[in-house]
Amino acid sequence: MTSWQLVRVIAGVFIMLTLALGVPSSPIFVNEWFLAFTLFVGANIFQSGLTKWCLLETILRKVGVKPGC
């Protein structure tokens, strides 16, 4: 799996997890403040789309994940 694919998988997992933990009707609800992390992930996806730079992708490349095309 390439770095850009991993970024999208990790972002998707974080979004689904934080929604499950932050939405009051969820069976695993903990606290509504988990929705702030969902906002953070979404803002980072938006920023990377505009700037073509993603911190997580940079970190993944430094730990040896092959870059995507």
N, C-alpha and C. Protein backbone atom coordinates (compact mmCIF):
# COMPACT_ATOMS: atom_id res chain seq x y z
N MET A 1 0.85 -1.17 0.00
CA MET A 1 0.00 0.00 0.00
C MET A 1 0.90 1.24 0.00
N THR A 2 0.54 2.22 -0.78
CA THR A 2 1.35 3.44 -0.88
C THR A 2 0.95 4.43 0.20
N SER A 3 1.77 5.46 0.36
CA SER A 3 1.54 6.44 1.43
C SER A 3 0.21 7.17 1.26
N TRP A 4 -0.15 7.54 0.04
CA TRP A 4 -1.41 8.27 -0.14
C TRP A 4 -2.61 7.39 0.14
N GLN A 5 -2.49 6.07 -0.14
CA GLN A 5 -3.58 5.16 0.17
C GLN A 5 -3.72 4.99 1.68
N LEU A 6 -2.60 4.86 2.37
CA LEU A 6 -2.63 4.73 3.82
C LEU A 6 -3.21 5.96 4.49
N VAL A 7 -2.90 7.15 3.98
CA VAL A 7 -3.46 8.38 4.53
C VAL A 7 -4.98 8.34 4.47
N ARG A 8 -5.51 7.93 3.36
CA ARG A 8 -6.97 7.88 3.21
C ARG A 8 -7.60 6.81 4.10
N VAL A 9 -6.95 5.66 4.22
CA VAL A 9 -7.47 4.60 5.09
C VAL A 9 -7.46 5.07 6.55
N ILE A 10 -6.35 5.65 6.99
CA ILE A 10 -6.24 6.12 8.37
C ILE A 10 -7.26 7.23 8.64
N ALA A 11 -7.40 8.16 7.71
CA ALA A 11 -8.38 9.24 7.89
C ALA A 11 -9.79 8.67 7.98
N GLY A 12 -10.12 7.72 7.14
CA GLY A 12 -11.44 7.10 7.17
C GLY A 12 -11.71 6.38 8.49
N VAL A 13 -10.72 5.66 8.98
CA VAL A 13 -10.87 4.96 10.26
C VAL A 13 -11.07 5.96 11.39
N PHE A 14 -10.26 7.03 11.42
CA PHE A 14 -10.41 8.04 12.46
C PHE A 14 -11.78 8.70 12.41
N ILE A 15 -12.27 9.01 11.23
CA ILE A 15 -13.58 9.65 11.10
C ILE A 15 -14.68 8.72 11.60
N MET A 16 -14.66 7.46 11.17
CA MET A 16 -15.70 6.53 11.61
C MET A 16 -15.63 6.29 13.11
N LEU A 17 -14.42 6.14 13.65
CA LEU A 17 -14.26 5.90 15.09
C LEU A 17 -14.73 7.09 15.92
N THR A 18 -14.31 8.29 15.53
CA THR A 18 -14.69 9.46 16.32
C THR A 18 -16.18 9.78 16.19
N LEU A 19 -16.78 9.47 15.06
CA LEU A 19 -18.23 9.63 14.95
C LEU A 19 -18.94 8.63 15.85
N ALA A 20 -18.46 7.41 15.88
CA ALA A 20 -19.07 6.40 16.74
C ALA A 20 -18.94 6.78 18.21
N LEU A 21 -17.83 7.39 18.58
CA LEU A 21 -17.61 7.78 19.96
C LEU A 21 -18.27 9.11 20.33
N GLY A 22 -18.61 9.93 19.33
CA GLY A 22 -19.10 11.27 19.62
C GLY A 22 -20.57 11.52 19.36
N VAL A 23 -21.24 10.64 18.65
CA VAL A 23 -22.66 10.84 18.35
C VAL A 23 -23.49 10.18 19.46
N PRO A 24 -24.35 10.96 20.12
CA PRO A 24 -25.10 10.44 21.27
C PRO A 24 -25.93 9.19 20.99
N SER A 25 -26.40 8.99 19.77
CA SER A 25 -27.22 7.81 19.48
C SER A 25 -26.40 6.56 19.20
N SER A 26 -25.07 6.68 19.21
CA SER A 26 -24.20 5.54 18.96
C SER A 26 -24.17 4.60 20.17
N PRO A 27 -24.10 3.30 19.93
CA PRO A 27 -24.03 2.37 21.06
C PRO A 27 -22.72 2.45 21.85
N ILE A 28 -21.67 3.05 21.27
CA ILE A 28 -20.40 3.18 21.99
C ILE A 28 -20.08 4.65 22.29
N PHE A 29 -21.14 5.46 22.42
CA PHE A 29 -20.98 6.89 22.72
C PHE A 29 -20.18 7.10 24.01
N VAL A 30 -19.22 8.04 23.95
CA VAL A 30 -18.43 8.40 25.12
C VAL A 30 -18.66 9.86 25.47
N ASN A 31 -18.38 10.74 24.50
CA ASN A 31 -18.48 12.17 24.76
C ASN A 31 -18.60 12.89 23.42
N GLU A 32 -19.37 13.97 23.39
CA GLU A 32 -19.54 14.74 22.14
C GLU A 32 -18.27 15.42 21.68
N TRP A 33 -17.29 15.59 22.57
CA TRP A 33 -16.04 16.24 22.19
C TRP A 33 -15.22 15.41 21.19
N PHE A 34 -15.55 14.15 21.01
CA PHE A 34 -14.87 13.35 19.98
C PHE A 34 -15.17 13.90 18.59
N LEU A 35 -16.28 14.62 18.44
CA LEU A 35 -16.60 15.22 17.15
C LEU A 35 -15.61 16.32 16.78
N ALA A 36 -14.92 16.90 17.75
CA ALA A 36 -13.89 17.90 17.45
C ALA A 36 -12.74 17.24 16.69
N PHE A 37 -12.42 16.00 17.03
CA PHE A 37 -11.36 15.30 16.29
C PHE A 37 -11.81 14.99 14.87
N THR A 38 -13.09 14.69 14.70
CA THR A 38 -13.63 14.49 13.35
C THR A 38 -13.45 15.76 12.53
N LEU A 39 -13.74 16.90 13.12
CA LEU A 39 -13.54 18.19 12.45
C LEU A 39 -12.08 18.40 12.10
N PHE A 40 -11.18 18.06 13.01
CA PHE A 40 -9.74 18.20 12.78
C PHE A 40 -9.29 17.36 11.58
N VAL A 41 -9.73 16.12 11.50
CA VAL A 41 -9.37 15.24 10.39
C VAL A 41 -9.91 15.81 9.08
N GLY A 42 -11.16 16.24 9.09
CA GLY A 42 -11.76 16.83 7.89
C GLY A 42 -11.04 18.09 7.43
N ALA A 43 -10.64 18.93 8.38
CA ALA A 43 -9.90 20.14 8.04
C ALA A 43 -8.54 19.81 7.44
N ASN A 44 -7.89 18.77 7.94
CA ASN A 44 -6.61 18.36 7.39
C ASN A 44 -6.75 17.79 5.98
N ILE A 45 -7.81 17.05 5.74
CA ILE A 45 -8.06 16.54 4.39
C ILE A 45 -8.30 17.71 3.43
N PHE A 46 -9.09 18.68 3.87
CA PHE A 46 -9.36 19.87 3.07
C PHE A 46 -8.06 20.63 2.77
N GLN A 47 -7.25 20.85 3.79
CA GLN A 47 -5.98 21.57 3.64
C GLN A 47 -5.04 20.83 2.68
N SER A 48 -4.97 19.51 2.80
CA SER A 48 -4.06 18.77 1.92
C SER A 48 -4.55 18.79 0.47
N GLY A 49 -5.85 18.87 0.29
CA GLY A 49 -6.38 18.99 -1.06
C GLY A 49 -6.03 20.32 -1.71
N LEU A 50 -5.97 21.38 -0.91
CA LEU A 50 -5.63 22.70 -1.45
C LEU A 50 -4.13 22.90 -1.64
N THR A 51 -3.34 22.38 -0.71
CA THR A 51 -1.90 22.64 -0.74
C THR A 51 -1.09 21.52 -1.34
N LYS A 52 -1.71 20.34 -1.55
CA LYS A 52 -1.02 19.15 -2.05
C LYS A 52 0.10 18.70 -1.11
N TRP A 53 -0.06 18.96 0.18
CA TRP A 53 0.90 18.52 1.20
C TRP A 53 0.13 17.99 2.40
N CYS A 54 0.58 16.84 2.91
CA CYS A 54 -0.07 16.21 4.05
C CYS A 54 1.00 15.76 5.04
N LEU A 55 0.90 16.20 6.28
CA LEU A 55 1.89 15.85 7.30
C LEU A 55 1.95 14.34 7.53
N LEU A 56 0.80 13.67 7.59
CA LEU A 56 0.80 12.23 7.82
C LEU A 56 1.51 11.50 6.69
N GLU A 57 1.32 11.93 5.46
CA GLU A 57 2.01 11.29 4.34
C GLU A 57 3.52 11.49 4.44
N THR A 58 3.96 12.66 4.86
CA THR A 58 5.38 12.92 5.07
C THR A 58 5.94 11.99 6.14
N ILE A 59 5.21 11.84 7.23
CA ILE A 59 5.65 10.95 8.31
C ILE A 59 5.71 9.51 7.82
N LEU A 60 4.70 9.06 7.09
CA LEU A 60 4.69 7.69 6.59
C LEU A 60 5.86 7.43 5.66
N ARG A 61 6.19 8.39 4.82
CA ARG A 61 7.34 8.22 3.92
C ARG A 61 8.64 8.11 4.70
N LYS A 62 8.78 8.88 5.79
CA LYS A 62 9.99 8.85 6.60
C LYS A 62 10.16 7.51 7.33
N VAL A 63 9.06 6.82 7.62
CA VAL A 63 9.17 5.53 8.28
C VAL A 63 9.26 4.36 7.29
N GLY A 64 9.32 4.69 6.01
CA GLY A 64 9.61 3.68 5.02
C GLY A 64 8.47 3.24 4.12
N VAL A 65 7.31 3.85 4.22
CA VAL A 65 6.20 3.51 3.33
C VAL A 65 6.49 4.10 1.96
N LYS A 66 6.31 3.30 0.92
CA LYS A 66 6.64 3.81 -0.42
C LYS A 66 5.65 4.89 -0.85
N PRO A 67 6.18 5.92 -1.50
CA PRO A 67 5.29 7.01 -1.97
C PRO A 67 4.39 6.55 -3.10
N GLY A 68 3.25 7.19 -3.20
CA GLY A 68 2.32 6.88 -4.27
C GLY A 68 2.61 7.72 -5.50
N CYS A 69 1.94 7.39 -6.59
CA CYS A 69 2.15 8.12 -7.84
C CYS A 69 1.12 9.20 -8.01
